[in-house]
Amino acid sequence: MNDLAIDTPTMPAPHVRERVAFGSSGLPVLGLVVLTYLGAIALTVIGVIRVADPGGDPRTSGVVLLVIGSVLLVAGLLVNAGLIMVAPGEARVLQFLGSYVGTVRTDGLRWINPFTLRRRISTRIRNHETAVTKVNDADGNPIEIAAVVVWRITDTARAMFEVDDYDQFVNIQAETAVRHIATSYAYDAHGIGQLSLRENASEITEKLSTEIAARVEAAGVEVIESRITHLAYASEIAGAMLRRQQAGAVVAARQRIVEGAVGMVQLALHQLAEQDVVDLDEERKATMVSNLLVVLCSDRETQPVVNAGSLY
């Protein structure tokens, strides 16, 4: 069989790879933030009361309480800034001062470094269906082809930083692979052991998945499956190719009919001779074979002719 080598561009080595970011569960931190806010509010109220009451404690104590309450409020706001919500099927890519510091994949409420930049990225399974593209197959015939690709992100760091737009990158590489597969094989096979787009769908789609996976690996993308969803001759030659396919089908059917008719004639002559029903010379056998083949191979109903006389 024709084995197609995977033709993919040589990608540079990745600069970053995904790693787990530093963080912890957000529920205990949320409780601490609530307590900090309550303490800051209480100290602020007490401080305001003491400052406003000249007959009470010295004003310095009220000022100190106000300062402590303000510090607790700022600390609570700062700690609260590190709380993030991560939904199932999503991740957060973290950057600190421009550098990649890790990815948060654990869903739920999480606490991370409050000074990091967070970028949301989906890790769910996605579908991409290429547009119906007109290309020439290996025999030069114009065909129309389209495919659907099922993929997902497995390395969020590479998807975010190795390519400019991973979604567009996957779309373009998938269409490029579909075009390459379509131009490398014929629509119909004309030789024994030759792969064709129409007759060897499973082998072709396997090669298509392999090529797309090799092309998008640089973006940290995994190809789960790819399938050809549309395959047809272009409109300008569709009629001629349909007639050729019909002619091939008619020839194949006639061949099967002739093979069956010859077998039936052989069986009839053998049983006539074996059971000694009638003694036929070579000329009568030839006439009988001719008549039987006409009856069995004709595409119309035959009309019997009764011979009342002698054959000679």
C-alpha atoms as a PDB file:
ATOM      1  CA  MET A   1       0.000   0.000   0.000  1.00  0.00           C
ATOM      2  CA  ASN A   2       0.989   3.592  -0.509  1.00  0.00           C
ATOM      3  CA  ASP A   3       2.477   4.862   2.751  1.00  0.00           C
ATOM      4  CA  LEU A   4       2.411   8.645   3.065  1.00  0.00           C
ATOM      5  CA  ALA A   5       5.156  10.299   5.086  1.00  0.00           C
ATOM      6  CA  ILE A   6       3.994  12.985   7.476  1.00  0.00           C
ATOM      7  CA  ASP A   7       4.962  16.311   5.926  1.00  0.00           C
ATOM      8  CA  THR A   8       5.108  18.851   8.737  1.00  0.00           C
ATOM      9  CA  PRO A   9       7.149  22.000   9.315  1.00  0.00           C
ATOM     10  CA  THR A  10      10.041  21.857  11.766  1.00  0.00           C
ATOM     11  CA  MET A  11       9.007  23.776  14.869  1.00  0.00           C
ATOM     12  CA  PRO A  12      11.487  25.379  17.284  1.00  0.00           C
ATOM     13  CA  ALA A  13      11.953  23.873  20.716  1.00  0.00           C
ATOM     14  CA  PRO A  14       9.356  25.160  23.213  1.00  0.00           C
ATOM     15  CA  HIS A  15      10.475  27.913  25.567  1.00  0.00           C
ATOM     16  CA  VAL A  16       8.019  27.016  28.325  1.00  0.00           C
ATOM     17  CA  ARG A  17       6.091  23.983  29.449  1.00  0.00           C
ATOM     18  CA  GLU A  18       3.153  23.776  31.794  1.00  0.00           C
ATOM     19  CA  ARG A  19       3.831  23.448  35.511  1.00  0.00           C
ATOM     20  CA  VAL A  20       1.652  23.653  38.600  1.00  0.00           C
ATOM     21  CA  ALA A  21       1.419  27.116  40.115  1.00  0.00           C
ATOM     22  CA  PHE A  22       1.871  27.768  43.820  1.00  0.00           C
ATOM     23  CA  GLY A  23      -1.463  28.088  45.612  1.00  0.00           C
ATOM     24  CA  SER A  24      -3.780  26.665  48.227  1.00  0.00           C
ATOM     25  CA  SER A  25      -7.443  26.086  48.946  1.00  0.00           C
ATOM     26  CA  GLY A  26      -9.350  29.343  49.017  1.00  0.00           C
ATOM     27  CA  LEU A  27     -11.958  28.508  51.694  1.00  0.00           C
ATOM     28  CA  PRO A  28      -9.657  28.968  54.744  1.00  0.00           C
ATOM     29  CA  VAL A  29      -8.276  32.145  53.209  1.00  0.00           C
ATOM     30  CA  LEU A  30     -11.813  33.410  52.599  1.00  0.00           C
ATOM     31  CA  GLY A  31     -12.616  32.856  56.283  1.00  0.00           C
ATOM     32  CA  LEU A  32      -9.463  34.749  57.270  1.00  0.00           C
ATOM     33  CA  VAL A  33     -10.419  37.621  54.973  1.00  0.00           C
ATOM     34  CA  VAL A  34     -13.889  37.846  56.539  1.00  0.00           C
ATOM     35  CA  LEU A  35     -12.388  37.933  60.044  1.00  0.00           C
ATOM     36  CA  THR A  36      -9.907  40.592  58.933  1.00  0.00           C
ATOM     37  CA  TYR A  37     -12.685  42.766  57.518  1.00  0.00           C
ATOM     38  CA  LEU A  38     -14.737  42.404  60.731  1.00  0.00           C
ATOM     39  CA  GLY A  39     -11.747  43.248  62.895  1.00  0.00           C
ATOM     40  CA  ALA A  40     -10.885  46.265  60.742  1.00  0.00           C
ATOM     41  CA  ILE A  41     -14.465  47.540  60.938  1.00  0.00           C
ATOM     42  CA  ALA A  42     -14.605  47.048  64.717  1.00  0.00           C
ATOM     43  CA  LEU A  43     -11.280  48.793  65.354  1.00  0.00           C
ATOM     44  CA  THR A  44     -12.216  51.643  63.056  1.00  0.00           C
ATOM     45  CA  VAL A  45     -15.560  52.206  64.801  1.00  0.00           C
ATOM     46  CA  ILE A  46     -13.952  52.106  68.263  1.00  0.00           C
ATOM     47  CA  GLY A  47     -11.193  54.438  67.138  1.00  0.00           C
ATOM     48  CA  VAL A  48     -13.654  56.945  65.737  1.00  0.00           C
ATOM     49  CA  ILE A  49     -15.663  56.861  68.977  1.00  0.00           C
ATOM     50  CA  ARG A  50     -12.556  57.452  71.112  1.00  0.00           C
ATOM     51  CA  VAL A  51     -11.301  60.258  68.921  1.00  0.00           C
ATOM     52  CA  ALA A  52     -14.705  61.943  68.991  1.00  0.00           C
ATOM     53  CA  ASP A  53     -15.073  61.619  72.809  1.00  0.00           C
ATOM     54  CA  PRO A  54     -12.731  64.159  74.523  1.00  0.00           C
ATOM     55  CA  GLY A  55     -13.741  63.011  78.007  1.00  0.00           C
ATOM     56  CA  GLY A  56     -12.800  59.448  77.453  1.00  0.00           C
ATOM     57  CA  ASP A  57      -9.457  57.770  76.757  1.00  0.00           C
ATOM     58  CA  PRO A  58      -6.694  59.833  75.222  1.00  0.00           C
ATOM     59  CA  ARG A  59      -7.115  60.560  71.538  1.00  0.00           C
ATOM     60  CA  THR A  60      -3.824  58.861  70.761  1.00  0.00           C
ATOM     61  CA  SER A  61      -5.347  55.477  71.553  1.00  0.00           C
ATOM     62  CA  GLY A  62      -8.191  56.200  69.134  1.00  0.00           C
ATOM     63  CA  VAL A  63      -5.721  57.172  66.419  1.00  0.00           C
ATOM     64  CA  VAL A  64      -3.761  53.986  66.994  1.00  0.00           C
ATOM     65  CA  LEU A  65      -6.942  51.929  66.638  1.00  0.00           C
ATOM     66  CA  LEU A  66      -7.771  53.747  63.392  1.00  0.00           C
ATOM     67  CA  VAL A  67      -4.312  53.034  62.025  1.00  0.00           C
ATOM     68  CA  ILE A  68      -4.519  49.355  62.977  1.00  0.00           C
ATOM     69  CA  GLY A  69      -8.006  49.096  61.458  1.00  0.00           C
ATOM     70  CA  SER A  70      -6.772  50.691  58.215  1.00  0.00           C
ATOM     71  CA  VAL A  71      -3.805  48.312  58.068  1.00  0.00           C
ATOM     72  CA  LEU A  72      -6.118  45.310  58.599  1.00  0.00           C
ATOM     73  CA  LEU A  73      -8.458  46.587  55.871  1.00  0.00           C
ATOM     74  CA  VAL A  74      -5.597  46.952  53.381  1.00  0.00           C
ATOM     75  CA  ALA A  75      -4.267  43.508  54.342  1.00  0.00           C
ATOM     76  CA  GLY A  76      -7.728  42.010  53.871  1.00  0.00           C
ATOM     77  CA  LEU A  77      -8.063  43.622  50.448  1.00  0.00           C
ATOM     78  CA  LEU A  78      -4.628  42.358  49.468  1.00  0.00           C
ATOM     79  CA  VAL A  79      -5.304  38.800  50.573  1.00  0.00           C
ATOM     80  CA  ASN A  80      -8.739  38.897  48.946  1.00  0.00           C
ATOM     81  CA  ALA A  81      -7.118  39.857  45.639  1.00  0.00           C
ATOM     82  CA  GLY A  82      -5.451  36.437  45.586  1.00  0.00           C
ATOM     83  CA  LEU A  83      -8.758  34.529  45.600  1.00  0.00           C
ATOM     84  CA  ILE A  84      -9.863  33.119  42.229  1.00  0.00           C
ATOM     85  CA  MET A  85     -12.677  30.883  41.038  1.00  0.00           C
ATOM     86  CA  VAL A  86     -11.703  28.087  38.654  1.00  0.00           C
ATOM     87  CA  ALA A  87     -14.571  26.330  36.843  1.00  0.00           C
ATOM     88  CA  PRO A  88     -14.371  22.678  35.688  1.00  0.00           C
ATOM     89  CA  GLY A  89     -12.823  22.474  32.239  1.00  0.00           C
ATOM     90  CA  GLU A  90     -10.903  25.703  32.692  1.00  0.00           C
ATOM     91  CA  ALA A  91      -7.459  26.755  33.873  1.00  0.00           C
ATOM     92  CA  ARG A  92      -5.667  29.945  34.878  1.00  0.00           C
ATOM     93  CA  VAL A  93      -2.270  30.763  33.416  1.00  0.00           C
ATOM     94  CA  LEU A  94      -0.303  32.959  35.848  1.00  0.00           C
ATOM     95  CA  GLN A  95       2.355  35.554  35.082  1.00  0.00           C
ATOM     96  CA  PHE A  96       4.423  37.548  37.537  1.00  0.00           C
ATOM     97  CA  LEU A  97       6.341  40.542  36.209  1.00  0.00           C
ATOM     98  CA  GLY A  98       5.970  39.103  32.710  1.00  0.00           C
ATOM     99  CA  SER A  99       7.315  35.642  33.545  1.00  0.00           C
ATOM    100  CA  TYR A 100       5.254  32.473  33.463  1.00  0.00           C
ATOM    101  CA  VAL A 101       4.963  31.097  37.010  1.00  0.00           C
ATOM    102  CA  GLY A 102       2.517  28.217  36.574  1.00  0.00           C
ATOM    103  CA  THR A 103      -1.012  27.063  35.798  1.00  0.00           C
ATOM    104  CA  VAL A 104      -3.942  26.455  38.146  1.00  0.00           C
ATOM    105  CA  ARG A 105      -6.120  23.538  36.963  1.00  0.00           C
ATOM    106  CA  THR A 106      -7.797  22.557  40.266  1.00  0.00           C
ATOM    107  CA  ASP A 107     -11.378  23.749  40.138  1.00  0.00           C
ATOM    108  CA  GLY A 108     -13.130  25.566  42.944  1.00  0.00           C
ATOM    109  CA  LEU A 109     -12.019  28.502  45.095  1.00  0.00           C
ATOM    110  CA  ARG A 110      -8.235  28.847  45.097  1.00  0.00           C
ATOM    111  CA  TRP A 111      -5.783  31.327  46.595  1.00  0.00           C
ATOM    112  CA  ILE A 112      -2.681  32.367  44.656  1.00  0.00           C
ATOM    113  CA  ASN A 113      -0.135  35.161  44.661  1.00  0.00           C
ATOM    114  CA  PRO A 114      -2.268  38.327  44.556  1.00  0.00           C
ATOM    115  CA  PHE A 115       0.322  40.156  42.423  1.00  0.00           C
ATOM    116  CA  THR A 116       0.126  37.741  39.471  1.00  0.00           C
ATOM    117  CA  LEU A 117      -1.636  38.324  36.164  1.00  0.00           C
ATOM    118  CA  ARG A 118      -4.259  35.617  35.527  1.00  0.00           C
ATOM    119  CA  ARG A 119      -5.317  34.556  32.028  1.00  0.00           C
ATOM    120  CA  ARG A 120      -8.279  32.254  31.538  1.00  0.00           C
ATOM    121  CA  ILE A 121      -7.937  29.323  29.120  1.00  0.00           C
ATOM    122  CA  SER A 122     -10.392  26.534  28.333  1.00  0.00           C
ATOM    123  CA  THR A 123      -9.274  22.895  28.526  1.00  0.00           C
ATOM    124  CA  ARG A 124     -12.593  21.495  27.304  1.00  0.00           C
ATOM    125  CA  ILE A 125     -12.909  19.292  24.205  1.00  0.00           C
ATOM    126  CA  ARG A 126     -13.598  21.335  21.075  1.00  0.00           C
ATOM    127  CA  ASN A 127     -14.742  20.680  17.508  1.00  0.00           C
ATOM    128  CA  HIS A 128     -13.462  22.365  14.402  1.00  0.00           C
ATOM    129  CA  GLU A 129     -15.029  21.684  11.006  1.00  0.00           C
ATOM    130  CA  THR A 130     -12.991  22.833   8.054  1.00  0.00           C
ATOM    131  CA  ALA A 131     -14.638  24.610   5.179  1.00  0.00           C
ATOM    132  CA  VAL A 132     -15.479  22.636   2.026  1.00  0.00           C
ATOM    133  CA  THR A 133     -12.296  23.002  -0.024  1.00  0.00           C
ATOM    134  CA  LYS A 134     -11.815  22.341  -3.734  1.00  0.00           C
ATOM    135  CA  VAL A 135      -8.467  20.665  -4.483  1.00  0.00           C
ATOM    136  CA  ASN A 136      -7.000  18.288  -7.063  1.00  0.00           C
ATOM    137  CA  ASP A 137      -6.473  14.699  -5.971  1.00  0.00           C
ATOM    138  CA  ALA A 138      -3.416  12.615  -6.837  1.00  0.00           C
ATOM    139  CA  ASP A 139      -4.852  11.940 -10.334  1.00  0.00           C
ATOM    140  CA  GLY A 140      -5.456  15.644 -10.974  1.00  0.00           C
ATOM    141  CA  ASN A 141      -9.236  15.424 -10.656  1.00  0.00           C
ATOM    142  CA  PRO A 142     -10.903  18.350  -8.844  1.00  0.00           C
ATOM    143  CA  ILE A 143     -12.655  17.198  -5.682  1.00  0.00           C
ATOM    144  CA  GLU A 144     -14.389  18.816  -2.722  1.00  0.00           C
ATOM    145  CA  ILE A 145     -13.343  17.771   0.773  1.00  0.00           C
ATOM    146  CA  ALA A 146     -14.002  18.822   4.361  1.00  0.00           C
ATOM    147  CA  ALA A 147     -13.211  17.310   7.759  1.00  0.00           C
ATOM    148  CA  VAL A 148     -14.011  17.729  11.431  1.00  0.00           C
ATOM    149  CA  VAL A 149     -11.266  17.742  14.077  1.00  0.00           C
ATOM    150  CA  VAL A 150     -11.853  17.015  17.778  1.00  0.00           C
ATOM    151  CA  TRP A 151      -9.135  18.533  19.956  1.00  0.00           C
ATOM    152  CA  ARG A 152      -8.281  19.961  23.360  1.00  0.00           C
ATOM    153  CA  ILE A 153      -5.442  21.809  25.066  1.00  0.00           C
ATOM    154  CA  THR A 154      -3.090  19.654  27.140  1.00  0.00           C
ATOM    155  CA  ASP A 155      -0.268  22.165  27.728  1.00  0.00           C
ATOM    156  CA  THR A 156      -1.682  25.569  28.642  1.00  0.00           C
ATOM    157  CA  ALA A 157       1.716  27.262  28.747  1.00  0.00           C
ATOM    158  CA  ARG A 158       2.594  26.302  25.186  1.00  0.00           C
ATOM    159  CA  ALA A 159      -0.890  27.190  23.957  1.00  0.00           C
ATOM    160  CA  MET A 160      -0.630  30.636  25.525  1.00  0.00           C
ATOM    161  CA  PHE A 161       2.989  31.556  24.809  1.00  0.00           C
ATOM    162  CA  GLU A 162       4.300  29.429  21.909  1.00  0.00           C
ATOM    163  CA  VAL A 163       1.775  30.578  19.290  1.00  0.00           C
ATOM    164  CA  ASP A 164       0.070  33.898  18.723  1.00  0.00           C
ATOM    165  CA  ASP A 165      -3.517  32.542  18.643  1.00  0.00           C
ATOM    166  CA  TYR A 166      -3.847  28.831  19.363  1.00  0.00           C
ATOM    167  CA  ASP A 167      -7.447  28.638  18.113  1.00  0.00           C
ATOM    168  CA  GLN A 168      -6.596  30.140  14.730  1.00  0.00           C
ATOM    169  CA  PHE A 169      -3.380  28.104  14.620  1.00  0.00           C
ATOM    170  CA  VAL A 170      -5.306  24.827  14.989  1.00  0.00           C
ATOM    171  CA  ASN A 171      -7.848  25.879  12.348  1.00  0.00           C
ATOM    172  CA  ILE A 172      -5.215  26.747   9.736  1.00  0.00           C
ATOM    173  CA  GLN A 173      -3.075  23.674  10.403  1.00  0.00           C
ATOM    174  CA  ALA A 174      -6.132  21.404  10.175  1.00  0.00           C
ATOM    175  CA  GLU A 175      -7.106  22.846   6.786  1.00  0.00           C
ATOM    176  CA  THR A 176      -3.502  22.525   5.592  1.00  0.00           C
ATOM    177  CA  ALA A 177      -3.406  18.846   6.601  1.00  0.00           C
ATOM    178  CA  VAL A 178      -6.744  18.162   4.865  1.00  0.00           C
ATOM    179  CA  ARG A 179      -5.431  19.732   1.649  1.00  0.00           C
ATOM    180  CA  HIS A 180      -2.216  17.712   1.850  1.00  0.00           C
ATOM    181  CA  ILE A 181      -4.063  14.425   2.367  1.00  0.00           C
ATOM    182  CA  ALA A 182      -6.484  15.196  -0.483  1.00  0.00           C
ATOM    183  CA  THR A 183      -3.669  15.929  -2.959  1.00  0.00           C
ATOM    184  CA  SER A 184      -1.682  12.834  -1.924  1.00  0.00           C
ATOM    185  CA  TYR A 185      -4.349  10.221  -2.700  1.00  0.00           C
ATOM    186  CA  ALA A 186      -6.699   9.532  -5.571  1.00  0.00           C
ATOM    187  CA  TYR A 187     -10.460   9.735  -5.119  1.00  0.00           C
ATOM    188  CA  ASP A 188     -10.807   6.198  -6.538  1.00  0.00           C
ATOM    189  CA  ALA A 189      -8.120   3.512  -6.536  1.00  0.00           C
ATOM    190  CA  HIS A 190      -7.077   2.169  -9.938  1.00  0.00           C
ATOM    191  CA  GLY A 191      -4.580  -0.432  -8.799  1.00  0.00           C
ATOM    192  CA  ILE A 192      -4.360  -3.322  -6.368  1.00  0.00           C
ATOM    193  CA  GLY A 193      -3.131  -2.223  -2.949  1.00  0.00           C
ATOM    194  CA  GLN A 194      -3.534   1.477  -3.691  1.00  0.00           C
ATOM    195  CA  LEU A 195      -5.236   3.637  -1.069  1.00  0.00           C
ATOM    196  CA  SER A 196      -8.065   5.910  -2.142  1.00  0.00           C
ATOM    197  CA  LEU A 197     -10.039   8.611  -0.394  1.00  0.00           C
ATOM    198  CA  ARG A 198     -13.398   6.939  -1.050  1.00  0.00           C
ATOM    199  CA  GLU A 199     -12.609   3.277  -0.395  1.00  0.00           C
ATOM    200  CA  ASN A 200     -10.085   3.519   2.463  1.00  0.00           C
ATOM    201  CA  ALA A 201     -11.741   6.022   4.788  1.00  0.00           C
ATOM    202  CA  SER A 202     -10.403   4.496   8.022  1.00  0.00           C
ATOM    203  CA  GLU A 203      -6.761   4.440   6.861  1.00  0.00           C
ATOM    204  CA  ILE A 204      -6.985   7.953   5.413  1.00  0.00           C
ATOM    205  CA  THR A 205      -8.569   9.444   8.542  1.00  0.00           C
ATOM    206  CA  GLU A 206      -5.902   7.788  10.685  1.00  0.00           C
ATOM    207  CA  LYS A 207      -3.192   9.426   8.597  1.00  0.00           C
ATOM    208  CA  LEU A 208      -5.100  12.714   8.740  1.00  0.00           C
ATOM    209  CA  SER A 209      -5.246  12.578  12.549  1.00  0.00           C
ATOM    210  CA  THR A 210      -1.527  11.786  12.733  1.00  0.00           C
ATOM    211  CA  GLU A 211      -0.593  14.691  10.489  1.00  0.00           C
ATOM    212  CA  ILE A 212      -2.809  17.220  12.265  1.00  0.00           C
ATOM    213  CA  ALA A 213      -1.463  16.071  15.643  1.00  0.00           C
ATOM    214  CA  ALA A 214       2.116  16.556  14.433  1.00  0.00           C
ATOM    215  CA  ARG A 215       1.305  20.042  13.131  1.00  0.00           C
ATOM    216  CA  VAL A 216      -0.441  21.344  16.265  1.00  0.00           C
ATOM    217  CA  GLU A 217       1.810  19.691  18.855  1.00  0.00           C
ATOM    218  CA  ALA A 218       3.830  22.917  19.116  1.00  0.00           C
ATOM    219  CA  ALA A 219       0.740  24.667  20.525  1.00  0.00           C
ATOM    220  CA  GLY A 220       0.237  22.096  23.290  1.00  0.00           C
ATOM    221  CA  VAL A 221      -2.845  20.672  21.561  1.00  0.00           C
ATOM    222  CA  GLU A 222      -3.962  17.027  21.505  1.00  0.00           C
ATOM    223  CA  VAL A 223      -5.985  15.742  18.543  1.00  0.00           C
ATOM    224  CA  ILE A 224      -8.555  13.243  19.793  1.00  0.00           C
ATOM    225  CA  GLU A 225     -10.108  12.349  16.445  1.00  0.00           C
ATOM    226  CA  SER A 226     -10.539  13.614  12.909  1.00  0.00           C
ATOM    227  CA  ARG A 227     -13.059  12.491  10.296  1.00  0.00           C
ATOM    228  CA  ILE A 228     -13.735  13.402   6.679  1.00  0.00           C
ATOM    229  CA  THR A 229     -17.278  14.799   6.616  1.00  0.00           C
ATOM    230  CA  HIS A 230     -17.586  15.748   2.943  1.00  0.00           C
ATOM    231  CA  LEU A 231     -16.005  14.080  -0.080  1.00  0.00           C
ATOM    232  CA  ALA A 232     -17.239  14.469  -3.645  1.00  0.00           C
ATOM    233  CA  TYR A 233     -16.081  15.247  -7.135  1.00  0.00           C
ATOM    234  CA  ALA A 234     -16.266  18.902  -8.091  1.00  0.00           C
ATOM    235  CA  SER A 235     -19.437  19.917  -9.895  1.00  0.00           C
ATOM    236  CA  GLU A 236     -17.722  20.377 -13.259  1.00  0.00           C
ATOM    237  CA  ILE A 237     -16.713  16.690 -13.500  1.00  0.00           C
ATOM    238  CA  ALA A 238     -19.287  15.080 -11.215  1.00  0.00           C
ATOM    239  CA  GLY A 239     -21.501  13.960 -14.122  1.00  0.00           C
ATOM    240  CA  ALA A 240     -18.653  12.359 -16.072  1.00  0.00           C
ATOM    241  CA  MET A 241     -17.293  10.599 -12.988  1.00  0.00           C
ATOM    242  CA  LEU A 242     -20.755   9.310 -12.109  1.00  0.00           C
ATOM    243  CA  ARG A 243     -21.103   7.776 -15.577  1.00  0.00           C
ATOM    244  CA  ARG A 244     -17.663   6.196 -15.190  1.00  0.00           C
ATOM    245  CA  GLN A 245     -18.627   4.705 -11.839  1.00  0.00           C
ATOM    246  CA  GLN A 246     -21.902   3.424 -13.300  1.00  0.00           C
ATOM    247  CA  ALA A 247     -20.041   1.863 -16.222  1.00  0.00           C
ATOM    248  CA  GLY A 248     -17.627   0.175 -13.833  1.00  0.00           C
ATOM    249  CA  ALA A 249     -20.534  -1.155 -11.801  1.00  0.00           C
ATOM    250  CA  VAL A 250     -22.248  -2.506 -14.928  1.00  0.00           C
ATOM    251  CA  VAL A 251     -19.044  -4.242 -16.074  1.00  0.00           C
ATOM    252  CA  ALA A 252     -18.533  -5.798 -12.642  1.00  0.00           C
ATOM    253  CA  ALA A 253     -22.146  -6.978 -12.535  1.00  0.00           C
ATOM    254  CA  ARG A 254     -21.898  -8.476 -16.038  1.00  0.00           C
ATOM    255  CA  GLN A 255     -18.719 -10.272 -15.041  1.00  0.00           C
ATOM    256  CA  ARG A 256     -20.455 -11.862 -12.072  1.00  0.00           C
ATOM    257  CA  ILE A 257     -23.420 -12.831 -14.262  1.00  0.00           C
ATOM    258  CA  VAL A 258     -21.173 -14.485 -16.864  1.00  0.00           C
ATOM    259  CA  GLU A 259     -19.251 -16.372 -14.176  1.00  0.00           C
ATOM    260  CA  GLY A 260     -22.514 -17.651 -12.708  1.00  0.00           C
ATOM    261  CA  ALA A 261     -23.942 -18.566 -16.115  1.00  0.00           C
ATOM    262  CA  VAL A 262     -20.858 -20.557 -17.087  1.00  0.00           C
ATOM    263  CA  GLY A 263     -21.058 -22.471 -13.814  1.00  0.00           C
ATOM    264  CA  MET A 264     -24.737 -23.249 -14.361  1.00  0.00           C
ATOM    265  CA  VAL A 265     -24.078 -24.477 -17.932  1.00  0.00           C
ATOM    266  CA  GLN A 266     -21.254 -26.713 -16.729  1.00  0.00           C
ATOM    267  CA  LEU A 267     -23.494 -28.125 -14.015  1.00  0.00           C
ATOM    268  CA  ALA A 268     -26.319 -28.771 -16.515  1.00  0.00           C
ATOM    269  CA  LEU A 269     -24.070 -30.593 -18.998  1.00  0.00           C
ATOM    270  CA  HIS A 270     -22.468 -32.622 -16.212  1.00  0.00           C
ATOM    271  CA  GLN A 271     -25.800 -33.759 -14.775  1.00  0.00           C
ATOM    272  CA  LEU A 272     -27.216 -34.581 -18.221  1.00  0.00           C
ATOM    273  CA  ALA A 273     -24.221 -36.731 -19.000  1.00  0.00           C
ATOM    274  CA  GLU A 274     -24.080 -38.310 -15.552  1.00  0.00           C
ATOM    275  CA  GLN A 275     -27.768 -39.270 -15.464  1.00  0.00           C
ATOM    276  CA  ASP A 276     -27.747 -40.311 -19.166  1.00  0.00           C
ATOM    277  CA  VAL A 277     -30.782 -38.177 -19.924  1.00  0.00           C
ATOM    278  CA  VAL A 278     -29.795 -37.447 -23.513  1.00  0.00           C
ATOM    279  CA  ASP A 279     -26.822 -38.201 -25.693  1.00  0.00           C
ATOM    280  CA  LEU A 280     -25.424 -34.967 -27.101  1.00  0.00           C
ATOM    281  CA  ASP A 281     -22.715 -34.690 -29.677  1.00  0.00           C
ATOM    282  CA  GLU A 282     -20.333 -31.719 -29.791  1.00  0.00           C
ATOM    283  CA  GLU A 283     -22.513 -29.700 -32.139  1.00  0.00           C
ATOM    284  CA  ARG A 284     -25.619 -30.146 -29.977  1.00  0.00           C
ATOM    285  CA  LYS A 285     -23.582 -29.284 -26.855  1.00  0.00           C
ATOM    286  CA  ALA A 286     -22.403 -26.082 -28.515  1.00  0.00           C
ATOM    287  CA  THR A 287     -25.961 -25.165 -29.454  1.00  0.00           C
ATOM    288  CA  MET A 288     -27.205 -25.888 -25.940  1.00  0.00           C
ATOM    289  CA  VAL A 289     -24.394 -23.862 -24.361  1.00  0.00           C
ATOM    290  CA  SER A 290     -25.133 -20.936 -26.669  1.00  0.00           C
ATOM    291  CA  ASN A 291     -28.834 -20.978 -25.862  1.00  0.00           C
ATOM    292  CA  LEU A 292     -28.289 -21.287 -22.127  1.00  0.00           C
ATOM    293  CA  LEU A 293     -25.791 -18.419 -22.073  1.00  0.00           C
ATOM    294  CA  VAL A 294     -28.192 -16.201 -24.000  1.00  0.00           C
ATOM    295  CA  VAL A 295     -30.980 -16.991 -21.540  1.00  0.00           C
ATOM    296  CA  LEU A 296     -28.853 -16.554 -18.430  1.00  0.00           C
ATOM    297  CA  CYS A 297     -26.850 -13.465 -19.475  1.00  0.00           C
ATOM    298  CA  SER A 298     -29.576 -11.493 -21.201  1.00  0.00           C
ATOM    299  CA  ASP A 299     -30.802  -8.364 -19.399  1.00  0.00           C
ATOM    300  CA  ARG A 300     -34.280  -8.888 -20.901  1.00  0.00           C
ATOM    301  CA  GLU A 301     -36.783 -11.701 -20.772  1.00  0.00           C
ATOM    302  CA  THR A 302     -36.090 -14.312 -23.458  1.00  0.00           C
ATOM    303  CA  GLN A 303     -38.775 -15.711 -25.753  1.00  0.00           C
ATOM    304  CA  PRO A 304     -38.642 -19.491 -26.132  1.00  0.00           C
ATOM    305  CA  VAL A 305     -38.687 -20.934 -29.675  1.00  0.00           C
ATOM    306  CA  VAL A 306     -39.950 -24.498 -30.032  1.00  0.00           C
ATOM    307  CA  ASN A 307     -38.163 -26.458 -32.738  1.00  0.00           C
ATOM    308  CA  ALA A 308     -40.633 -29.080 -34.047  1.00  0.00           C
ATOM    309  CA  GLY A 309     -38.246 -30.497 -36.593  1.00  0.00           C
ATOM    310  CA  SER A 310     -34.809 -31.974 -36.622  1.00  0.00           C
ATOM    311  CA  LEU A 311     -31.697 -30.005 -35.809  1.00  0.00           C
ATOM    312  CA  TYR A 312     -30.225 -31.134 -39.159  1.00  0.00           C
END
